[in-house]
Protein backbone atom coordinates (compact mmCIF):
# COMPACT_ATOMS: atom_id res chain seq x y z
CA MET A 1 -6.38 3.01 12.81
CA ALA A 2 -4.87 0.15 11.66
CA ILE A 3 -4.32 -0.32 8.00
CA VAL A 4 -4.12 -3.45 5.58
CA LEU A 5 -3.32 -2.83 2.31
CA ALA A 6 -3.50 -5.49 -0.41
CA ASN A 7 -1.29 -4.98 -3.25
CA TRP A 8 -2.48 -7.18 -6.48
CA LYS A 9 0.28 -6.02 -8.61
CA SER A 10 0.34 -7.28 -12.42
CA HIS A 11 -1.97 -10.07 -11.47
CA LYS A 12 -5.65 -11.28 -11.84
CA SER A 13 -8.10 -11.31 -15.02
CA LEU A 14 -11.02 -8.94 -14.81
CA SER A 15 -13.32 -11.96 -14.14
CA GLU A 16 -10.86 -13.02 -11.42
CA ALA A 17 -10.74 -9.52 -9.76
CA GLU A 18 -14.37 -9.63 -9.55
CA ALA A 19 -14.88 -13.13 -8.23
CA TRP A 20 -12.01 -12.22 -5.34
CA MET A 21 -13.98 -9.37 -4.14
CA LYS A 22 -16.88 -11.29 -4.03
CA LYS A 23 -15.69 -13.91 -2.35
CA PHE A 24 -13.84 -11.45 0.13
CA GLY A 25 -16.93 -9.70 0.77
CA GLN A 26 -18.46 -12.74 1.89
CA LEU A 27 -15.43 -13.77 4.45
CA TYR A 28 -14.73 -10.09 5.92
CA HIS A 29 -16.53 -9.08 8.44
CA PRO A 30 -16.15 -5.47 9.73
CA GLU A 31 -13.31 -4.88 12.29
CA SER A 32 -13.47 -1.64 14.74
CA GLY A 33 -10.50 0.29 13.87
CA LEU A 34 -9.33 -1.44 10.74
CA GLU A 35 -8.97 -0.13 7.20
CA VAL A 36 -8.48 -2.40 4.53
CA ILE A 37 -7.23 -0.73 1.10
CA ILE A 38 -7.04 -2.64 -2.19
CA ALA A 39 -4.83 -1.90 -4.95
CA PRO A 40 -6.01 -3.56 -8.01
CA SER A 41 -4.22 -2.74 -11.79
CA PHE A 42 -5.31 0.78 -13.16
CA PRO A 43 -8.27 -0.85 -15.41
CA TYR A 44 -10.00 -2.29 -12.36
CA LEU A 45 -10.23 0.64 -10.17
CA VAL A 46 -13.94 0.98 -12.23
CA PRO A 47 -15.45 -2.01 -11.64
CA MET A 48 -13.88 -2.69 -8.20
CA GLY A 49 -15.66 0.54 -6.67
CA GLN A 50 -18.71 -0.35 -8.09
CA MET A 51 -18.40 -3.71 -6.42
CA LEU A 52 -17.50 -2.07 -3.09
CA GLN A 53 -20.60 0.12 -3.24
CA GLU A 54 -22.44 -2.74 -2.38
CA PHE A 55 -20.36 -3.18 0.87
CA ASP A 56 -21.93 -1.28 3.98
CA ALA A 57 -20.02 1.68 4.88
CA ASP A 58 -19.03 0.29 8.29
CA HIS A 59 -16.56 -2.35 6.12
CA HIS A 60 -13.92 0.58 5.67
CA ILE A 61 -12.63 -0.57 2.82
CA THR A 62 -11.29 1.67 -0.23
CA LEU A 63 -9.13 1.59 -2.99
CA ALA A 64 -5.58 2.46 -4.02
CA ALA A 65 -3.76 3.22 -7.30
CA GLN A 66 -0.32 1.24 -7.50
CA ASP A 67 1.22 3.95 -9.19
CA LEU A 68 0.81 7.35 -10.63
CA SER A 69 2.13 9.76 -12.86
CA PRO A 70 5.23 12.29 -12.05
CA PHE A 71 2.94 14.59 -14.21
CA PRO A 72 -0.50 16.40 -14.43
CA PHE A 73 -2.47 15.93 -17.64
CA GLY A 74 -0.89 16.93 -20.76
CA PRO A 75 1.02 15.07 -23.82
CA TYR A 76 2.52 11.70 -21.62
CA THR A 77 1.43 8.62 -23.67
CA GLY A 78 0.71 6.03 -21.33
CA ALA A 79 1.02 8.05 -17.82
CA VAL A 80 -2.05 7.49 -15.75
CA ALA A 81 -2.40 11.39 -14.04
CA ALA A 82 -3.66 11.72 -10.38
CA ASP A 83 -6.29 13.50 -11.39
CA MET A 84 -7.71 10.91 -13.66
CA VAL A 85 -8.04 8.73 -10.73
CA SER A 86 -8.36 10.35 -7.52
CA ASP A 87 -12.25 9.99 -7.49
CA LEU A 88 -11.61 6.67 -7.69
CA ALA A 89 -8.83 5.94 -5.06
CA GLY A 90 -8.28 7.35 -2.10
CA TYR A 91 -4.57 6.33 -1.75
CA ALA A 92 -1.76 5.82 -4.11
CA ILE A 93 1.34 3.73 -3.64
CA LEU A 94 4.61 5.66 -4.55
CA GLY A 95 8.38 4.13 -5.17
CA HIS A 96 7.55 0.69 -4.53
CA SER A 97 10.50 -1.30 -4.85
CA GLU A 98 9.50 -2.80 -7.76
CA ARG A 99 8.92 0.34 -9.73
CA ARG A 100 12.53 1.47 -8.47
CA ARG A 101 13.91 -1.74 -9.61
CA TYR A 102 12.43 -2.85 -12.84
CA PHE A 103 11.34 0.84 -14.20
CA HIS A 104 14.46 2.64 -12.62
CA GLU A 105 12.04 5.18 -10.99
CA THR A 106 14.20 7.80 -9.14
CA ASN A 107 13.71 9.24 -5.80
CA GLN A 108 12.83 12.70 -7.59
CA GLU A 109 10.30 11.27 -9.57
CA VAL A 110 8.69 9.37 -6.55
CA ALA A 111 8.94 13.11 -5.21
CA ASN A 112 6.85 14.64 -8.18
CA LYS A 113 4.49 11.40 -8.02
CA LEU A 114 3.81 12.67 -4.24
CA SER A 115 3.24 16.43 -5.22
CA GLU A 116 0.43 14.74 -8.02
CA ALA A 117 -1.08 12.75 -5.47
CA VAL A 118 -1.35 15.36 -2.74
CA ALA A 119 -2.69 18.19 -5.38
CA ALA A 120 -5.11 15.77 -6.29
CA GLY A 121 -6.35 15.15 -2.81
CA MET A 122 -5.14 11.33 -2.78
CA LYS A 123 -3.22 10.02 0.23
CA PRO A 124 0.24 8.70 -0.71
CA ILE A 125 1.77 5.73 0.59
CA VAL A 126 5.79 6.24 -0.34
CA CYS A 127 7.72 3.22 0.12
CA VAL A 128 11.21 3.11 1.42
CA ASP A 129 13.83 0.46 2.04
CA GLU A 130 16.70 0.62 4.50
CA PRO A 131 19.77 1.62 4.25
CA TYR A 132 18.45 4.30 1.44
CA ALA A 133 15.40 5.33 3.42
CA ARG A 134 17.18 8.83 4.03
CA ALA A 135 17.64 9.53 0.76
CA GLN A 136 14.63 8.44 -0.23
CA VAL A 137 12.92 10.94 1.62
CA ALA A 138 14.95 13.88 1.39
CA SER A 139 13.70 14.85 -2.13
CA LEU A 140 10.30 14.98 -0.33
CA ASN A 141 8.40 18.24 0.12
CA ASP A 142 8.09 19.07 3.98
CA GLU A 143 4.75 20.83 3.28
CA GLU A 144 3.25 18.13 1.40
CA LEU A 145 3.94 15.25 4.44
CA ASN A 146 1.15 15.61 6.24
CA ASP A 147 -0.86 12.74 5.29
CA LEU A 148 2.05 10.53 4.31
CA ILE A 149 1.83 6.82 4.78
CA ILE A 150 5.45 5.22 4.69
CA GLY A 151 5.29 1.68 3.61
CA TYR A 152 8.95 -0.49 4.59
CA GLY A 153 9.62 -3.22 2.31
CA PRO A 154 13.00 -4.42 2.41
CA ALA A 155 13.55 -5.30 -1.37
CA GLU A 156 15.15 -8.80 -0.66
CA ALA A 157 11.72 -9.91 0.98
CA ILE A 158 9.34 -8.77 -1.59
CA GLY A 159 8.22 -11.12 -4.02
CA GLY A 160 9.63 -13.99 -2.44
CA ASN A 161 9.11 -16.27 0.37
CA ILE A 162 11.87 -15.15 2.77
CA PRO A 163 10.48 -12.71 4.88
CA GLN A 164 12.71 -10.22 6.84
CA ARG A 165 13.63 -11.58 10.49
CA PRO A 166 11.35 -9.49 12.79
CA GLU A 167 14.22 -8.50 14.67
CA GLU A 168 15.94 -7.18 11.69
CA ALA A 169 12.91 -5.65 10.51
CA SER A 170 12.45 -3.72 14.18
CA SER A 171 15.67 -2.54 13.68
CA ALA A 172 15.30 -0.92 10.32
CA MET A 173 12.03 0.72 11.82
CA GLU A 174 13.77 2.36 14.23
CA LYS A 175 15.85 4.26 11.63
CA ILE A 176 12.92 5.29 9.71
CA GLN A 177 11.14 6.39 12.57
CA GLU A 178 14.03 8.84 13.49
CA ILE A 179 13.87 9.99 9.47
CA VAL A 180 10.13 10.47 9.52
CA PRO A 181 8.82 10.71 12.94
CA GLY A 182 5.00 10.27 13.79
CA LYS A 183 4.43 9.27 10.18
CA PRO A 184 2.41 5.65 10.39
CA ILE A 185 4.29 2.88 8.64
CA LEU A 186 3.27 -0.01 7.25
CA TYR A 187 5.58 -3.39 7.11
CA GLY A 188 5.42 -5.49 3.79
CA GLY A 189 7.67 -8.33 2.46
CA SER A 190 6.63 -11.79 1.90
CA ILE A 191 3.57 -11.18 4.36
CA ASN A 192 1.09 -14.00 5.07
CA LYS A 193 -1.34 -15.35 7.21
CA ASP A 194 1.15 -17.19 9.56
CA ASN A 195 3.98 -14.38 10.34
CA ALA A 196 1.46 -11.36 10.25
CA ALA A 197 1.24 -11.54 13.96
CA ASP A 198 5.11 -11.62 14.09
CA TYR A 199 5.55 -8.02 12.28
CA LEU A 200 2.56 -6.08 14.02
CA GLN A 201 4.69 -6.65 17.56
CA ILE A 202 7.44 -4.34 16.26
CA ASP A 203 7.14 -0.88 17.51
CA GLY A 204 5.82 1.80 14.87
CA VAL A 205 4.14 -1.02 12.77
CA THR A 206 0.97 0.41 12.14
CA GLY A 207 -0.39 -2.16 9.38
CA LEU A 208 0.53 -4.37 6.82
CA MET A 209 1.22 -4.11 3.12
CA VAL A 210 0.25 -7.86 1.45
CA GLY A 211 1.68 -8.96 -1.61
CA THR A 212 1.14 -12.22 -2.79
CA ALA A 213 -0.89 -13.69 0.16
CA SER A 214 -3.57 -11.01 -0.61
CA LEU A 215 -4.21 -12.73 -4.04
CA ASP A 216 -6.19 -15.38 -2.10
CA PRO A 217 -9.16 -13.82 -0.39
CA SER A 218 -9.87 -16.22 2.12
CA GLU A 219 -5.82 -15.73 3.30
CA PHE A 220 -6.39 -12.24 3.24
CA ALA A 221 -9.23 -12.15 5.15
CA ASP A 222 -7.35 -14.12 7.74
CA ILE A 223 -4.41 -11.68 8.07
CA CYS A 224 -7.15 -8.51 8.38
CA LYS A 225 -8.41 -10.38 11.20
CA THR A 226 -5.61 -10.90 12.80
CA VAL A 227 -4.67 -7.39 12.35
CA ALA A 228 -7.88 -6.06 13.94
CA SER A 229 -7.20 -8.36 16.84
CA ALA A 230 -3.71 -6.98 17.50
CA SER A 231 -4.84 -3.05 17.39
C-alpha cells in the first residue's frame, strides 16, 4: 500500500487544524491502495482523532506522532512517552533531520525511541539521510525492525524550496536499500503537487513525506491523488 504522510511540524493553531481537517475531508476521495497519515502537533492528536471518526473507514486515514520520548513513563518533565499516545496515533516519526539538527538527537536516542514505539504497538517511521544512513540504522535493534518504515529526507531539501534532483535521490535510494533491504521507503524534501510524480518514479519509493505543502489541504489532496494514480 502506498503512503502519503502530512507532517505539519510546529504549525497551526487548533482552530486552523480543525479547519484543515474539515476542508481535506471535503476534497479527498478514498483511493484504493493508499494510506494517508497526518502528523499534527501533540496537543492536536485528540481533537484530530475525534474528527477522523466522522470519516468513513475506507478513507484509510490515520495519525502519527511527530516524535516520542526515548523513555517510558517516569520522571521526565516535558517528555511524551509512547504509551501516552499509542491509542491516538498508529505511527511515530523518529529521527527527523530537524530533530537531529536543532535538538541534537543522537542515533542512540533515536534507537531508544524506536524501542519505545515498538513496545507500545506503534509503527516507527525512522528518518535517515545519505551519507549518514548506515550509521543512523546501525544503532537500531534488528528484532524491532519488522514494521519499520524508512523516511529518506535529504537535510538540504527539507524546509526549503529546492528539492533534491530526482537522479540524486535515486542514487541515495539505491544505497539505502542496500542498508535496509525490503523496507518501504518514503521520500521527503520540498515535495509539492508539481514534483510529486517525479519522485514516485524512483525505484524503491513507496510513498511521500510532505512538509510545507501539506499545510494546504487542497494541495495535499492533489498530492494524494497523484500518489494513488502512480501506485
